[in-house]
């Protein structure tokens, strides 16, 4: 009887763990795929609205294809940045602030991850935000449309 009770309890625990994992992964909403096949998504749970300033903070993710990885690495080399730990580079996350009214965006933080979800780079603006104009039909424009819709 104790053995059956243990099996039922363990089965229930496994079910809860699986359900918990499903919930966290469904927080990411895909909003675009680029011509190279890179997939762009944002975390619904990360959205922070600042109505007074018409701005929204959101955590976004870009999952790279092989072509996208190559382009990102070439960009880092061109900019004189290290690619030493980028052998298993997989995706990046960016914490953005979007000014919905002015159509501007600032990168507050950026992290690069390998296939094992290990951070291989982390950085961000520390003192003053650097704002960029969101270009029409860009990936950031697609994100702005998703995040600022109805705000």
N, C-alpha and C. Protein backbone atom coordinates (compact mmCIF):
# COMPACT_ATOMS: atom_id res chain seq x y z
N UNK A 1 0.82 -1.19 0.00
CA UNK A 1 0.00 0.00 0.00
C UNK A 1 0.87 1.26 0.00
N UNK A 2 1.96 1.23 0.79
CA UNK A 2 2.86 2.37 0.83
C UNK A 2 3.52 2.58 -0.53
N UNK A 3 3.80 1.50 -1.24
CA UNK A 3 4.42 1.58 -2.55
C UNK A 3 3.49 2.27 -3.55
N UNK A 4 2.23 1.95 -3.52
CA UNK A 4 1.24 2.56 -4.41
C UNK A 4 1.10 4.05 -4.09
N UNK A 5 1.05 4.35 -2.81
CA UNK A 5 0.94 5.74 -2.38
C UNK A 5 2.15 6.55 -2.85
N UNK A 6 3.34 5.96 -2.76
CA UNK A 6 4.55 6.62 -3.20
C UNK A 6 4.52 6.86 -4.72
N UNK A 7 4.08 5.87 -5.47
CA UNK A 7 3.99 6.00 -6.93
C UNK A 7 3.01 7.10 -7.31
N UNK A 8 1.86 7.12 -6.66
CA UNK A 8 0.86 8.15 -6.94
C UNK A 8 1.41 9.53 -6.61
N UNK A 9 2.07 9.65 -5.46
CA UNK A 9 2.65 10.93 -5.05
C UNK A 9 3.73 11.40 -6.03
N UNK A 10 4.60 10.50 -6.45
CA UNK A 10 5.65 10.85 -7.40
C UNK A 10 5.06 11.24 -8.75
N UNK A 11 4.04 10.52 -9.19
CA UNK A 11 3.38 10.84 -10.45
C UNK A 11 2.77 12.23 -10.40
N UNK A 12 2.14 12.55 -9.28
CA UNK A 12 1.53 13.87 -9.10
C UNK A 12 2.60 14.96 -9.12
N UNK A 13 3.73 14.70 -8.47
CA UNK A 13 4.83 15.66 -8.43
C UNK A 13 5.38 15.91 -9.84
N UNK A 14 5.58 14.85 -10.61
CA UNK A 14 6.07 14.98 -11.98
C UNK A 14 5.09 15.79 -12.82
N UNK A 15 3.80 15.53 -12.66
CA UNK A 15 2.78 16.26 -13.39
C UNK A 15 2.83 17.76 -13.05
N UNK A 16 3.00 18.08 -11.78
CA UNK A 16 3.11 19.49 -11.37
C UNK A 16 4.35 20.15 -11.97
N UNK A 17 5.45 19.44 -11.99
CA UNK A 17 6.68 19.99 -12.56
C UNK A 17 6.53 20.25 -14.05
N UNK A 18 5.91 19.32 -14.75
CA UNK A 18 5.69 19.49 -16.19
C UNK A 18 4.76 20.67 -16.44
N UNK A 19 3.70 20.77 -15.68
CA UNK A 19 2.76 21.88 -15.83
C UNK A 19 3.44 23.21 -15.55
N UNK A 20 4.31 23.25 -14.56
CA UNK A 20 5.05 24.47 -14.23
C UNK A 20 5.98 24.88 -15.35
N UNK A 21 6.63 23.93 -16.00
CA UNK A 21 7.51 24.24 -17.11
C UNK A 21 6.73 24.77 -18.30
N UNK A 22 5.59 24.19 -18.57
CA UNK A 22 4.75 24.66 -19.66
C UNK A 22 4.36 26.11 -19.46
N UNK A 23 4.01 26.48 -18.25
CA UNK A 23 3.58 27.84 -17.96
C UNK A 23 4.69 28.84 -18.24
N UNK A 24 5.90 28.55 -17.80
CA UNK A 24 6.99 29.50 -17.99
C UNK A 24 7.38 29.62 -19.46
N UNK A 25 7.35 28.55 -20.22
CA UNK A 25 7.72 28.64 -21.62
C UNK A 25 6.65 29.33 -22.44
N UNK A 26 5.39 29.28 -22.01
CA UNK A 26 4.33 29.93 -22.76
C UNK A 26 4.30 31.43 -22.53
N UNK A 27 5.13 31.93 -21.62
CA UNK A 27 5.22 33.36 -21.37
C UNK A 27 5.82 34.08 -22.59
N UNK A 28 6.61 33.39 -23.39
CA UNK A 28 7.24 33.97 -24.57
C UNK A 28 6.28 33.96 -25.74
N UNK A 29 6.06 35.15 -26.32
CA UNK A 29 5.16 35.31 -27.45
C UNK A 29 5.97 35.67 -28.70
N UNK A 30 5.87 34.83 -29.71
CA UNK A 30 6.57 35.09 -30.98
C UNK A 30 5.90 36.28 -31.67
N UNK A 31 6.71 37.21 -32.15
CA UNK A 31 6.14 38.33 -32.89
C UNK A 31 6.71 38.48 -34.30
N UNK A 32 7.80 37.79 -34.62
CA UNK A 32 8.36 37.94 -35.95
C UNK A 32 9.40 36.85 -36.22
N UNK A 33 9.60 36.55 -37.50
CA UNK A 33 10.70 35.72 -37.99
C UNK A 33 11.33 36.49 -39.13
N UNK A 34 12.65 36.65 -39.13
CA UNK A 34 13.29 37.42 -40.19
C UNK A 34 13.64 36.55 -41.39
N UNK A 35 14.21 37.18 -42.42
CA UNK A 35 14.52 36.48 -43.68
C UNK A 35 15.54 35.35 -43.50
N UNK A 36 16.34 35.41 -42.41
CA UNK A 36 17.33 34.37 -42.13
C UNK A 36 16.76 33.25 -41.26
N UNK A 37 15.51 33.40 -40.84
CA UNK A 37 14.87 32.39 -40.01
C UNK A 37 15.01 32.60 -38.51
N UNK A 38 15.69 33.68 -38.09
CA UNK A 38 15.81 33.99 -36.67
C UNK A 38 14.42 34.30 -36.12
N UNK A 39 14.14 33.78 -34.93
CA UNK A 39 12.80 33.93 -34.33
C UNK A 39 12.87 34.96 -33.21
N UNK A 40 11.94 35.91 -33.25
CA UNK A 40 11.86 36.99 -32.27
C UNK A 40 10.63 36.80 -31.40
N UNK A 41 10.80 36.94 -30.09
CA UNK A 41 9.67 36.81 -29.17
C UNK A 41 9.87 37.77 -28.00
N UNK A 42 8.82 37.96 -27.22
CA UNK A 42 8.90 38.80 -26.03
C UNK A 42 8.22 38.09 -24.88
N UNK A 43 8.60 38.45 -23.67
CA UNK A 43 8.04 37.84 -22.47
C UNK A 43 6.84 38.68 -22.01
N UNK A 44 5.66 38.07 -22.03
CA UNK A 44 4.45 38.77 -21.57
C UNK A 44 4.59 39.21 -20.12
N UNK A 45 5.19 38.37 -19.31
CA UNK A 45 5.32 38.65 -17.89
C UNK A 45 6.30 39.75 -17.55
N UNK A 46 7.12 40.15 -18.52
CA UNK A 46 8.13 41.17 -18.25
C UNK A 46 7.64 42.59 -18.52
N UNK A 47 6.49 42.74 -19.13
CA UNK A 47 6.02 44.06 -19.56
C UNK A 47 5.73 44.96 -18.36
N UNK A 48 6.35 46.15 -18.39
CA UNK A 48 6.13 47.16 -17.35
C UNK A 48 5.75 48.46 -18.05
N UNK A 49 4.55 48.96 -17.76
CA UNK A 49 4.02 50.15 -18.41
C UNK A 49 4.27 51.38 -17.54
N UNK A 50 4.79 52.44 -18.16
CA UNK A 50 4.94 53.74 -17.51
C UNK A 50 4.04 54.71 -18.28
N UNK A 51 2.78 54.78 -17.88
CA UNK A 51 1.79 55.59 -18.58
C UNK A 51 2.15 57.06 -18.60
N UNK A 52 2.75 57.55 -17.54
CA UNK A 52 3.11 58.97 -17.46
C UNK A 52 4.09 59.37 -18.56
N UNK A 53 4.96 58.45 -18.95
CA UNK A 53 5.97 58.75 -19.98
C UNK A 53 5.68 58.07 -21.32
N UNK A 54 4.50 57.46 -21.45
CA UNK A 54 4.13 56.75 -22.68
C UNK A 54 5.15 55.69 -23.07
N UNK A 55 5.75 55.05 -22.08
CA UNK A 55 6.78 54.06 -22.39
C UNK A 55 6.45 52.70 -21.77
N UNK A 56 7.09 51.68 -22.34
CA UNK A 56 6.90 50.30 -21.91
C UNK A 56 8.26 49.63 -21.89
N UNK A 57 8.56 48.90 -20.82
CA UNK A 57 9.75 48.05 -20.78
C UNK A 57 9.33 46.63 -21.09
N UNK A 58 10.15 45.92 -21.86
CA UNK A 58 9.83 44.54 -22.22
C UNK A 58 11.13 43.77 -22.46
N UNK A 59 11.14 42.50 -22.06
CA UNK A 59 12.26 41.61 -22.33
C UNK A 59 11.97 40.85 -23.62
N UNK A 60 12.89 40.97 -24.58
CA UNK A 60 12.73 40.30 -25.87
C UNK A 60 13.85 39.29 -26.07
N UNK A 61 13.57 38.31 -26.93
CA UNK A 61 14.54 37.24 -27.19
C UNK A 61 14.67 37.04 -28.69
N UNK A 62 15.90 36.81 -29.14
CA UNK A 62 16.16 36.45 -30.54
C UNK A 62 16.87 35.10 -30.54
N UNK A 63 16.22 34.10 -31.13
CA UNK A 63 16.81 32.77 -31.26
C UNK A 63 17.39 32.67 -32.67
N UNK A 64 18.70 32.42 -32.73
CA UNK A 64 19.42 32.47 -33.99
C UNK A 64 19.41 31.15 -34.75
N UNK A 65 19.35 31.27 -36.08
CA UNK A 65 19.63 30.15 -36.97
C UNK A 65 21.14 30.14 -37.19
N UNK A 66 21.65 29.18 -37.94
CA UNK A 66 23.08 29.15 -38.24
C UNK A 66 23.51 30.41 -38.99
N UNK A 67 22.68 30.86 -39.93
CA UNK A 67 22.98 32.08 -40.68
C UNK A 67 23.03 33.28 -39.73
N UNK A 68 22.04 33.37 -38.84
CA UNK A 68 21.99 34.47 -37.88
C UNK A 68 23.18 34.47 -36.94
N UNK A 69 23.60 33.29 -36.50
CA UNK A 69 24.77 33.18 -35.61
C UNK A 69 26.02 33.70 -36.33
N UNK A 70 26.19 33.28 -37.58
CA UNK A 70 27.35 33.70 -38.36
C UNK A 70 27.37 35.22 -38.51
N UNK A 71 26.22 35.81 -38.80
CA UNK A 71 26.14 37.26 -38.97
C UNK A 71 26.44 37.99 -37.66
N UNK A 72 25.93 37.47 -36.55
CA UNK A 72 26.19 38.08 -35.24
C UNK A 72 27.68 38.01 -34.90
N UNK A 73 28.31 36.87 -35.17
CA UNK A 73 29.74 36.71 -34.89
C UNK A 73 30.57 37.63 -35.79
N UNK A 74 30.20 37.74 -37.05
CA UNK A 74 30.92 38.63 -37.96
C UNK A 74 30.81 40.08 -37.49
N UNK A 75 29.65 40.45 -36.99
CA UNK A 75 29.44 41.80 -36.47
C UNK A 75 30.32 42.06 -35.25
N UNK A 76 30.42 41.06 -34.37
CA UNK A 76 31.27 41.21 -33.18
C UNK A 76 32.74 41.36 -33.59
N UNK A 77 33.18 40.56 -34.55
CA UNK A 77 34.57 40.63 -35.02
C UNK A 77 34.84 41.99 -35.65
N UNK A 78 33.91 42.46 -36.48
CA UNK A 78 34.04 43.78 -37.13
C UNK A 78 34.15 44.89 -36.09
N UNK A 79 33.43 44.76 -34.98
CA UNK A 79 33.45 45.77 -33.92
C UNK A 79 34.61 45.58 -32.93
N UNK A 80 35.47 44.58 -33.20
CA UNK A 80 36.63 44.35 -32.34
C UNK A 80 36.29 43.66 -31.03
N UNK A 81 35.15 42.96 -30.99
CA UNK A 81 34.71 42.27 -29.76
C UNK A 81 35.12 40.80 -29.79
N UNK A 82 35.26 40.22 -28.64
CA UNK A 82 35.66 38.82 -28.51
C UNK A 82 34.56 37.87 -28.97
N UNK A 83 34.96 36.77 -29.58
CA UNK A 83 34.03 35.70 -29.93
C UNK A 83 34.50 34.38 -29.32
N UNK A 84 35.41 34.49 -28.36
CA UNK A 84 36.07 33.33 -27.76
C UNK A 84 35.07 32.29 -27.23
N UNK A 85 34.05 32.72 -26.52
CA UNK A 85 33.11 31.77 -25.92
C UNK A 85 31.86 31.54 -26.76
N UNK A 86 31.90 31.91 -28.03
CA UNK A 86 30.70 31.88 -28.86
C UNK A 86 30.55 30.62 -29.72
N UNK A 87 31.29 29.56 -29.40
CA UNK A 87 31.20 28.32 -30.15
C UNK A 87 29.81 27.71 -30.11
N UNK A 88 29.13 27.83 -28.99
CA UNK A 88 27.77 27.27 -28.84
C UNK A 88 26.72 28.36 -28.70
N UNK A 89 27.00 29.54 -29.24
CA UNK A 89 26.08 30.67 -29.16
C UNK A 89 24.71 30.27 -29.69
N UNK A 90 23.65 30.64 -28.96
CA UNK A 90 22.30 30.20 -29.34
C UNK A 90 21.30 31.34 -29.47
N UNK A 91 21.26 32.23 -28.47
CA UNK A 91 20.25 33.29 -28.50
C UNK A 91 20.68 34.47 -27.64
N UNK A 92 19.94 35.57 -27.80
CA UNK A 92 20.20 36.73 -26.95
C UNK A 92 18.88 37.26 -26.43
N UNK A 93 18.96 37.93 -25.27
CA UNK A 93 17.81 38.65 -24.74
C UNK A 93 18.19 40.11 -24.60
N UNK A 94 17.20 40.96 -24.78
CA UNK A 94 17.40 42.40 -24.63
C UNK A 94 16.25 42.95 -23.80
N UNK A 95 16.59 43.74 -22.81
CA UNK A 95 15.58 44.49 -22.08
C UNK A 95 15.49 45.84 -22.77
N UNK A 96 14.32 46.10 -23.35
CA UNK A 96 14.09 47.34 -24.09
C UNK A 96 13.16 48.26 -23.32
N UNK A 97 13.32 49.54 -23.57
CA UNK A 97 12.31 50.51 -23.20
C UNK A 97 11.84 51.15 -24.50
N UNK A 98 10.54 51.12 -24.72
CA UNK A 98 9.97 51.66 -25.95
C UNK A 98 9.13 52.88 -25.59
N UNK A 99 9.42 54.00 -26.27
CA UNK A 99 8.59 55.18 -26.14
C UNK A 99 7.53 55.06 -27.24
N UNK A 100 6.33 54.68 -26.83
CA UNK A 100 5.26 54.39 -27.79
C UNK A 100 4.82 55.62 -28.56
N UNK A 101 4.87 56.79 -27.95
CA UNK A 101 4.41 58.02 -28.59
C UNK A 101 5.44 58.54 -29.60
N UNK A 102 6.71 58.55 -29.21
CA UNK A 102 7.76 59.10 -30.07
C UNK A 102 8.34 58.07 -31.04
N UNK A 103 7.99 56.79 -30.85
CA UNK A 103 8.50 55.69 -31.67
C UNK A 103 10.03 55.58 -31.57
N UNK A 104 10.50 55.59 -30.32
CA UNK A 104 11.92 55.42 -30.03
C UNK A 104 12.11 54.18 -29.16
N UNK A 105 13.34 53.67 -29.17
CA UNK A 105 13.66 52.48 -28.37
C UNK A 105 15.04 52.65 -27.74
N UNK A 106 15.19 52.16 -26.52
CA UNK A 106 16.48 52.14 -25.83
C UNK A 106 16.76 50.72 -25.35
N UNK A 107 18.01 50.29 -25.48
CA UNK A 107 18.43 48.99 -24.97
C UNK A 107 18.93 49.22 -23.54
N UNK A 108 18.24 48.61 -22.58
CA UNK A 108 18.63 48.77 -21.18
C UNK A 108 19.61 47.69 -20.73
N UNK A 109 19.49 46.50 -21.32
CA UNK A 109 20.39 45.39 -20.98
C UNK A 109 20.37 44.38 -22.12
N UNK A 110 21.48 43.69 -22.29
CA UNK A 110 21.57 42.66 -23.32
C UNK A 110 22.39 41.50 -22.78
N UNK A 111 21.95 40.28 -23.09
CA UNK A 111 22.69 39.08 -22.68
C UNK A 111 22.72 38.08 -23.83
N UNK A 112 23.87 37.45 -24.01
CA UNK A 112 24.02 36.38 -24.99
C UNK A 112 24.14 35.06 -24.24
N UNK A 113 23.53 34.01 -24.79
CA UNK A 113 23.49 32.71 -24.14
C UNK A 113 23.97 31.62 -25.09
N UNK A 114 24.53 30.56 -24.50
CA UNK A 114 24.89 29.40 -25.30
C UNK A 114 23.75 28.40 -25.29
N UNK A 115 23.97 27.24 -25.93
CA UNK A 115 22.93 26.21 -26.04
C UNK A 115 22.50 25.64 -24.69
N UNK A 116 23.33 25.80 -23.67
CA UNK A 116 23.02 25.30 -22.32
C UNK A 116 22.46 26.40 -21.41
N UNK A 117 22.03 27.51 -22.01
CA UNK A 117 21.48 28.66 -21.28
C UNK A 117 22.49 29.34 -20.37
N UNK A 118 23.77 29.15 -20.65
CA UNK A 118 24.84 29.81 -19.89
C UNK A 118 25.08 31.19 -20.49
N UNK A 119 25.14 32.21 -19.63
CA UNK A 119 25.42 33.57 -20.09
C UNK A 119 26.88 33.65 -20.55
N UNK A 120 27.07 34.09 -21.81
CA UNK A 120 28.43 34.26 -22.32
C UNK A 120 28.77 35.74 -22.50
N UNK A 121 27.76 36.59 -22.40
CA UNK A 121 27.98 38.03 -22.41
C UNK A 121 26.78 38.69 -21.73
N UNK A 122 27.04 39.70 -20.93
CA UNK A 122 25.95 40.51 -20.34
C UNK A 122 26.43 41.94 -20.24
N UNK A 123 25.58 42.86 -20.65
CA UNK A 123 25.93 44.27 -20.60
C UNK A 123 24.69 45.12 -20.71
N UNK A 124 24.89 46.41 -20.64
CA UNK A 124 23.76 47.32 -20.77
C UNK A 124 24.14 48.74 -20.46
N UNK A 125 23.22 49.62 -20.76
CA UNK A 125 23.41 51.03 -20.47
C UNK A 125 23.35 51.22 -18.95
N UNK A 126 24.25 51.99 -18.42
CA UNK A 126 24.28 52.15 -16.97
C UNK A 126 23.85 53.54 -16.51
N UNK A 127 24.26 54.57 -17.19
CA UNK A 127 23.97 55.92 -16.70
C UNK A 127 22.82 56.58 -17.46
N UNK A 128 23.00 56.80 -18.73
CA UNK A 128 22.00 57.52 -19.49
C UNK A 128 21.51 56.66 -20.65
N UNK A 129 20.20 56.63 -20.83
CA UNK A 129 19.61 55.85 -21.92
C UNK A 129 20.00 56.45 -23.25
N UNK A 130 20.31 55.58 -24.19
CA UNK A 130 20.59 56.02 -25.55
C UNK A 130 19.40 55.61 -26.41
N UNK A 131 18.65 56.59 -26.88
CA UNK A 131 17.43 56.34 -27.64
C UNK A 131 17.73 56.27 -29.13
N UNK A 132 17.05 55.35 -29.81
CA UNK A 132 17.16 55.19 -31.25
C UNK A 132 15.77 55.28 -31.85
N UNK A 133 15.68 55.89 -33.02
CA UNK A 133 14.41 55.96 -33.72
C UNK A 133 14.07 54.56 -34.26
N UNK A 134 12.84 54.14 -34.07
CA UNK A 134 12.40 52.84 -34.59
C UNK A 134 12.11 53.00 -36.08
N UNK A 135 12.82 52.22 -36.88
CA UNK A 135 12.64 52.29 -38.33
C UNK A 135 11.41 51.50 -38.77
N UNK A 136 10.64 52.05 -39.71
CA UNK A 136 9.46 51.33 -40.21
C UNK A 136 9.84 49.96 -40.78
N UNK A 137 8.98 48.98 -40.54
CA UNK A 137 9.14 47.61 -41.06
C UNK A 137 10.38 46.89 -40.55
N UNK A 138 10.93 47.33 -39.41
CA UNK A 138 12.07 46.66 -38.79
C UNK A 138 11.56 45.68 -37.72
N UNK A 139 12.48 44.91 -37.16
CA UNK A 139 12.10 43.99 -36.08
C UNK A 139 11.64 44.78 -34.85
N UNK A 140 12.28 45.92 -34.59
CA UNK A 140 11.86 46.72 -33.44
C UNK A 140 10.50 47.38 -33.70
N UNK A 141 10.20 47.66 -34.95
CA UNK A 141 8.87 48.19 -35.30
C UNK A 141 7.81 47.13 -35.05
N UNK A 142 8.11 45.89 -35.40
CA UNK A 142 7.17 44.78 -35.14
C UNK A 142 6.94 44.62 -33.64
N UNK A 143 8.01 44.74 -32.85
CA UNK A 143 7.88 44.65 -31.40
C UNK A 143 7.05 45.80 -30.86
N UNK A 144 7.33 47.01 -31.32
CA UNK A 144 6.57 48.19 -30.88
C UNK A 144 5.08 48.03 -31.16
N UNK A 145 4.75 47.52 -32.34
CA UNK A 145 3.34 47.32 -32.69
C UNK A 145 2.67 46.34 -31.74
N UNK A 146 3.39 45.30 -31.36
CA UNK A 146 2.86 44.31 -30.41
C UNK A 146 2.67 44.90 -29.01
N UNK A 147 3.69 45.59 -28.54
CA UNK A 147 3.74 46.05 -27.16
C UNK A 147 2.92 47.33 -26.94
N UNK A 148 2.95 48.22 -27.91
CA UNK A 148 2.29 49.52 -27.73
C UNK A 148 0.85 49.55 -28.22
N UNK A 149 0.42 48.48 -28.83
CA UNK A 149 -0.96 48.44 -29.33
C UNK A 149 -1.96 48.70 -28.21
N UNK A 150 -2.79 49.72 -28.40
CA UNK A 150 -3.80 50.05 -27.41
C UNK A 150 -3.30 50.87 -26.25
N UNK A 151 -2.04 51.32 -26.30
CA UNK A 151 -1.49 52.14 -25.22
C UNK A 151 -1.36 53.57 -25.65
